[in-house]
Amino acid sequence: MSNSSQPINKDLILRENLALQRTILANQTTLLAFLRTSMYFLVAGLSIKNLLNVPGHIYYQVVFYLIAIAVLIFGVINYFRHKKKIIQSEIHIGNYKLDFENK
């Protein structure tokens, strides 16, 4: 039973739960966008040899590969950092699950 004497607003609980789910999906979408961008730089590095007929094209390839790796690492770190913040934000919603199940 809830310690407060006020009734639980079930619409508010549903709205908060749905907002949390949207935030989780947005975080996953952002990770996939970083992965896609990383793959674009990887493909650019692979195809630069055919596009440029200059000596030293290997340096351009290495630059594109390094950018691809950096974007991928940043995206993964960003994903887990935001995932941790999302999990911590569930605490601020309160103990609504226990209150909701008891009513």
N, C-alpha and C. Protein backbone atom coordinates (compact mmCIF):
# COMPACT_ATOMS: atom_id res chain seq x y z
N MET A 1 0.83 -1.18 0.00
CA MET A 1 0.00 0.00 0.00
C MET A 1 0.87 1.24 0.00
N SER A 2 0.37 2.26 -0.58
CA SER A 2 1.11 3.51 -0.68
C SER A 2 1.09 4.24 0.65
N ASN A 3 2.17 4.91 0.95
CA ASN A 3 2.25 5.68 2.18
C ASN A 3 1.48 6.98 2.09
N SER A 4 1.27 7.47 0.88
CA SER A 4 0.54 8.73 0.73
C SER A 4 -0.95 8.46 0.67
N SER A 5 -1.72 9.47 1.04
CA SER A 5 -3.17 9.31 1.05
C SER A 5 -3.79 9.71 -0.28
N GLN A 6 -2.98 10.24 -1.20
CA GLN A 6 -3.50 10.66 -2.48
C GLN A 6 -3.61 9.46 -3.42
N PRO A 7 -4.66 9.43 -4.25
CA PRO A 7 -4.77 8.33 -5.21
C PRO A 7 -3.71 8.46 -6.30
N ILE A 8 -3.35 7.35 -6.88
CA ILE A 8 -2.32 7.33 -7.92
C ILE A 8 -2.96 7.73 -9.24
N ASN A 9 -2.31 8.62 -9.93
CA ASN A 9 -2.76 9.03 -11.26
C ASN A 9 -2.19 8.04 -12.26
N LYS A 10 -3.02 7.12 -12.72
CA LYS A 10 -2.56 6.06 -13.62
C LYS A 10 -2.15 6.60 -14.98
N ASP A 11 -2.78 7.70 -15.42
CA ASP A 11 -2.40 8.31 -16.69
C ASP A 11 -0.97 8.85 -16.62
N LEU A 12 -0.62 9.44 -15.49
CA LEU A 12 0.72 9.97 -15.30
C LEU A 12 1.75 8.84 -15.30
N ILE A 13 1.41 7.74 -14.67
CA ILE A 13 2.31 6.59 -14.64
C ILE A 13 2.55 6.07 -16.06
N LEU A 14 1.47 5.93 -16.83
CA LEU A 14 1.59 5.45 -18.20
C LEU A 14 2.40 6.42 -19.05
N ARG A 15 2.16 7.71 -18.89
CA ARG A 15 2.87 8.73 -19.65
C ARG A 15 4.37 8.69 -19.34
N GLU A 16 4.72 8.54 -18.07
CA GLU A 16 6.13 8.47 -17.69
C GLU A 16 6.79 7.20 -18.23
N ASN A 17 6.06 6.10 -18.18
CA ASN A 17 6.60 4.83 -18.69
C ASN A 17 6.82 4.92 -20.20
N LEU A 18 5.87 5.50 -20.91
CA LEU A 18 6.01 5.63 -22.37
C LEU A 18 7.14 6.60 -22.73
N ALA A 19 7.29 7.66 -21.95
CA ALA A 19 8.39 8.60 -22.20
C ALA A 19 9.73 7.92 -21.98
N LEU A 20 9.81 7.08 -20.98
CA LEU A 20 11.04 6.34 -20.72
C LEU A 20 11.35 5.38 -21.86
N GLN A 21 10.33 4.71 -22.38
CA GLN A 21 10.54 3.80 -23.51
C GLN A 21 10.99 4.56 -24.75
N ARG A 22 10.41 5.75 -25.00
CA ARG A 22 10.84 6.57 -26.14
C ARG A 22 12.29 7.00 -25.99
N THR A 23 12.70 7.31 -24.78
CA THR A 23 14.07 7.72 -24.54
C THR A 23 15.03 6.56 -24.80
N ILE A 24 14.65 5.37 -24.38
CA ILE A 24 15.48 4.19 -24.64
C ILE A 24 15.61 3.94 -26.13
N LEU A 25 14.49 4.04 -26.86
CA LEU A 25 14.54 3.83 -28.31
C LEU A 25 15.35 4.91 -29.01
N ALA A 26 15.27 6.14 -28.55
CA ALA A 26 16.07 7.22 -29.13
C ALA A 26 17.55 6.98 -28.91
N ASN A 27 17.90 6.48 -27.74
CA ASN A 27 19.31 6.16 -27.45
C ASN A 27 19.81 5.06 -28.39
N GLN A 28 18.99 4.05 -28.62
CA GLN A 28 19.38 2.96 -29.53
C GLN A 28 19.50 3.46 -30.96
N THR A 29 18.60 4.35 -31.36
CA THR A 29 18.64 4.92 -32.71
C THR A 29 19.91 5.74 -32.90
N THR A 30 20.29 6.47 -31.87
CA THR A 30 21.52 7.26 -31.94
C THR A 30 22.74 6.37 -32.10
N LEU A 31 22.77 5.25 -31.38
CA LEU A 31 23.88 4.31 -31.54
C LEU A 31 23.95 3.79 -32.97
N LEU A 32 22.81 3.46 -33.54
CA LEU A 32 22.80 2.97 -34.92
C LEU A 32 23.24 4.05 -35.90
N ALA A 33 22.93 5.31 -35.62
CA ALA A 33 23.38 6.40 -36.48
C ALA A 33 24.90 6.55 -36.42
N PHE A 34 25.47 6.41 -35.22
CA PHE A 34 26.93 6.45 -35.11
C PHE A 34 27.55 5.27 -35.86
N LEU A 35 26.94 4.10 -35.76
CA LEU A 35 27.44 2.93 -36.47
C LEU A 35 27.39 3.15 -37.98
N ARG A 36 26.29 3.70 -38.47
CA ARG A 36 26.15 3.97 -39.90
C ARG A 36 27.20 4.98 -40.38
N THR A 37 27.41 6.04 -39.60
CA THR A 37 28.41 7.04 -39.97
C THR A 37 29.81 6.44 -39.98
N SER A 38 30.08 5.59 -39.02
CA SER A 38 31.37 4.92 -38.97
C SER A 38 31.57 4.04 -40.20
N MET A 39 30.53 3.36 -40.60
CA MET A 39 30.63 2.50 -41.79
C MET A 39 30.83 3.34 -43.06
N TYR A 40 30.23 4.53 -43.12
CA TYR A 40 30.45 5.41 -44.27
C TYR A 40 31.92 5.80 -44.39
N PHE A 41 32.54 6.14 -43.26
CA PHE A 41 33.96 6.48 -43.30
C PHE A 41 34.81 5.27 -43.65
N LEU A 42 34.40 4.09 -43.20
CA LEU A 42 35.13 2.87 -43.54
C LEU A 42 35.05 2.60 -45.05
N VAL A 43 33.87 2.75 -45.62
CA VAL A 43 33.70 2.56 -47.06
C VAL A 43 34.48 3.62 -47.84
N ALA A 44 34.49 4.84 -47.33
CA ALA A 44 35.26 5.90 -47.99
C ALA A 44 36.75 5.55 -47.98
N GLY A 45 37.22 5.00 -46.87
CA GLY A 45 38.62 4.59 -46.80
C GLY A 45 38.93 3.46 -47.75
N LEU A 46 37.98 2.54 -47.91
CA LEU A 46 38.20 1.42 -48.83
C LEU A 46 38.18 1.86 -50.28
N SER A 47 37.35 2.84 -50.62
CA SER A 47 37.20 3.23 -52.02
C SER A 47 38.12 4.38 -52.43
N ILE A 48 38.83 4.96 -51.50
CA ILE A 48 39.69 6.11 -51.84
C ILE A 48 40.81 5.70 -52.79
N LYS A 49 41.24 4.46 -52.74
CA LYS A 49 42.31 3.98 -53.62
C LYS A 49 41.87 4.05 -55.08
N ASN A 50 40.63 3.72 -55.36
CA ASN A 50 40.13 3.74 -56.73
C ASN A 50 39.81 5.15 -57.20
N LEU A 51 39.51 6.04 -56.27
CA LEU A 51 39.15 7.41 -56.66
C LEU A 51 40.37 8.29 -56.90
N LEU A 52 41.39 8.09 -56.10
CA LEU A 52 42.60 8.92 -56.23
C LEU A 52 43.74 8.10 -56.82
N ASN A 53 44.28 8.61 -57.89
CA ASN A 53 45.43 7.96 -58.51
C ASN A 53 46.70 8.73 -58.19
N VAL A 54 46.85 9.11 -56.94
CA VAL A 54 48.05 9.86 -56.53
C VAL A 54 48.86 8.99 -55.60
N PRO A 55 50.15 9.15 -55.61
CA PRO A 55 50.95 8.42 -54.62
C PRO A 55 50.66 8.96 -53.22
N GLY A 56 50.63 8.09 -52.29
CA GLY A 56 50.35 8.50 -50.92
C GLY A 56 48.88 8.41 -50.56
N HIS A 57 48.10 7.73 -51.39
CA HIS A 57 46.67 7.57 -51.08
C HIS A 57 46.47 6.73 -49.82
N ILE A 58 47.50 5.99 -49.44
CA ILE A 58 47.40 5.17 -48.22
C ILE A 58 47.20 6.04 -46.99
N TYR A 59 47.73 7.27 -47.02
CA TYR A 59 47.56 8.17 -45.89
C TYR A 59 46.09 8.59 -45.75
N TYR A 60 45.45 8.83 -46.90
CA TYR A 60 44.04 9.18 -46.86
C TYR A 60 43.21 8.00 -46.33
N GLN A 61 43.57 6.81 -46.76
CA GLN A 61 42.86 5.62 -46.26
C GLN A 61 43.00 5.50 -44.75
N VAL A 62 44.20 5.69 -44.25
CA VAL A 62 44.43 5.58 -42.81
C VAL A 62 43.63 6.64 -42.07
N VAL A 63 43.56 7.85 -42.61
CA VAL A 63 42.78 8.91 -41.97
C VAL A 63 41.31 8.52 -41.89
N PHE A 64 40.77 8.01 -42.99
CA PHE A 64 39.37 7.59 -42.98
C PHE A 64 39.13 6.43 -42.02
N TYR A 65 40.06 5.49 -41.96
CA TYR A 65 39.92 4.37 -41.02
C TYR A 65 39.95 4.86 -39.57
N LEU A 66 40.85 5.79 -39.28
CA LEU A 66 40.94 6.32 -37.92
C LEU A 66 39.68 7.09 -37.54
N ILE A 67 39.14 7.85 -38.49
CA ILE A 67 37.89 8.57 -38.22
C ILE A 67 36.76 7.58 -37.97
N ALA A 68 36.72 6.50 -38.77
CA ALA A 68 35.67 5.49 -38.59
C ALA A 68 35.76 4.85 -37.21
N ILE A 69 36.97 4.52 -36.79
CA ILE A 69 37.16 3.90 -35.47
C ILE A 69 36.79 4.89 -34.36
N ALA A 70 37.20 6.15 -34.53
CA ALA A 70 36.90 7.16 -33.51
C ALA A 70 35.39 7.39 -33.37
N VAL A 71 34.69 7.47 -34.49
CA VAL A 71 33.24 7.67 -34.45
C VAL A 71 32.56 6.47 -33.81
N LEU A 72 33.01 5.28 -34.12
CA LEU A 72 32.41 4.08 -33.53
C LEU A 72 32.64 4.04 -32.02
N ILE A 73 33.85 4.32 -31.59
CA ILE A 73 34.15 4.30 -30.15
C ILE A 73 33.36 5.38 -29.43
N PHE A 74 33.30 6.58 -30.00
CA PHE A 74 32.53 7.65 -29.38
C PHE A 74 31.05 7.29 -29.29
N GLY A 75 30.51 6.66 -30.34
CA GLY A 75 29.11 6.26 -30.34
C GLY A 75 28.80 5.23 -29.27
N VAL A 76 29.67 4.25 -29.09
CA VAL A 76 29.46 3.21 -28.08
C VAL A 76 29.56 3.81 -26.67
N ILE A 77 30.56 4.67 -26.47
CA ILE A 77 30.69 5.33 -25.16
C ILE A 77 29.47 6.19 -24.88
N ASN A 78 29.02 6.94 -25.87
CA ASN A 78 27.85 7.79 -25.73
C ASN A 78 26.61 6.96 -25.39
N TYR A 79 26.46 5.81 -26.04
CA TYR A 79 25.31 4.94 -25.78
C TYR A 79 25.28 4.48 -24.33
N PHE A 80 26.40 3.96 -23.84
CA PHE A 80 26.42 3.44 -22.48
C PHE A 80 26.32 4.55 -21.44
N ARG A 81 26.87 5.71 -21.73
CA ARG A 81 26.74 6.84 -20.80
C ARG A 81 25.28 7.27 -20.67
N HIS A 82 24.59 7.36 -21.80
CA HIS A 82 23.18 7.75 -21.75
C HIS A 82 22.30 6.63 -21.19
N LYS A 83 22.69 5.38 -21.44
CA LYS A 83 21.93 4.28 -20.87
C LYS A 83 21.98 4.32 -19.34
N LYS A 84 23.15 4.65 -18.81
CA LYS A 84 23.30 4.77 -17.36
C LYS A 84 22.43 5.90 -16.82
N LYS A 85 22.39 7.03 -17.54
CA LYS A 85 21.55 8.15 -17.11
C LYS A 85 20.07 7.78 -17.17
N ILE A 86 19.68 7.01 -18.17
CA ILE A 86 18.28 6.59 -18.28
C ILE A 86 17.90 5.69 -17.12
N ILE A 87 18.78 4.76 -16.78
CA ILE A 87 18.50 3.86 -15.65
C ILE A 87 18.40 4.66 -14.35
N GLN A 88 19.27 5.66 -14.20
CA GLN A 88 19.21 6.50 -13.00
C GLN A 88 17.94 7.34 -12.97
N SER A 89 17.43 7.72 -14.13
CA SER A 89 16.22 8.55 -14.16
C SER A 89 14.98 7.76 -13.76
N GLU A 90 15.03 6.43 -13.85
CA GLU A 90 13.90 5.61 -13.42
C GLU A 90 13.67 5.76 -11.92
N ILE A 91 14.72 6.04 -11.17
CA ILE A 91 14.60 6.21 -9.73
C ILE A 91 13.75 7.43 -9.41
N HIS A 92 13.84 8.46 -10.24
CA HIS A 92 13.12 9.71 -9.98
C HIS A 92 11.62 9.56 -10.22
N ILE A 93 11.24 8.55 -10.95
CA ILE A 93 9.81 8.34 -11.19
C ILE A 93 9.14 7.93 -9.90
N GLY A 94 9.87 7.28 -9.07
CA GLY A 94 9.33 6.89 -7.77
C GLY A 94 9.06 5.41 -7.72
N ASN A 95 8.38 5.02 -6.68
CA ASN A 95 8.07 3.62 -6.46
C ASN A 95 6.68 3.31 -7.00
N TYR A 96 6.39 3.85 -8.17
CA TYR A 96 5.04 3.74 -8.71
C TYR A 96 4.65 2.31 -9.04
N LYS A 97 5.61 1.46 -9.38
CA LYS A 97 5.26 0.08 -9.75
C LYS A 97 4.65 -0.65 -8.57
N LEU A 98 5.23 -0.48 -7.40
CA LEU A 98 4.68 -1.14 -6.21
C LEU A 98 3.33 -0.55 -5.86
N ASP A 99 3.19 0.76 -5.95
CA ASP A 99 1.92 1.41 -5.66
C ASP A 99 0.85 0.99 -6.64
N PHE A 100 1.21 0.87 -7.90
CA PHE A 100 0.25 0.53 -8.94
C PHE A 100 -0.24 -0.91 -8.78
N GLU A 101 0.68 -1.81 -8.44
CA GLU A 101 0.30 -3.23 -8.31
C GLU A 101 -0.59 -3.47 -7.10
N ASN A 102 -0.46 -2.66 -6.07
CA ASN A 102 -1.25 -2.86 -4.85
C ASN A 102 -2.64 -2.27 -4.96
N LYS A 103 -2.92 -1.48 -5.94
CA LYS A 103 -4.24 -0.85 -6.04
C LYS A 103 -5.13 -1.58 -6.99
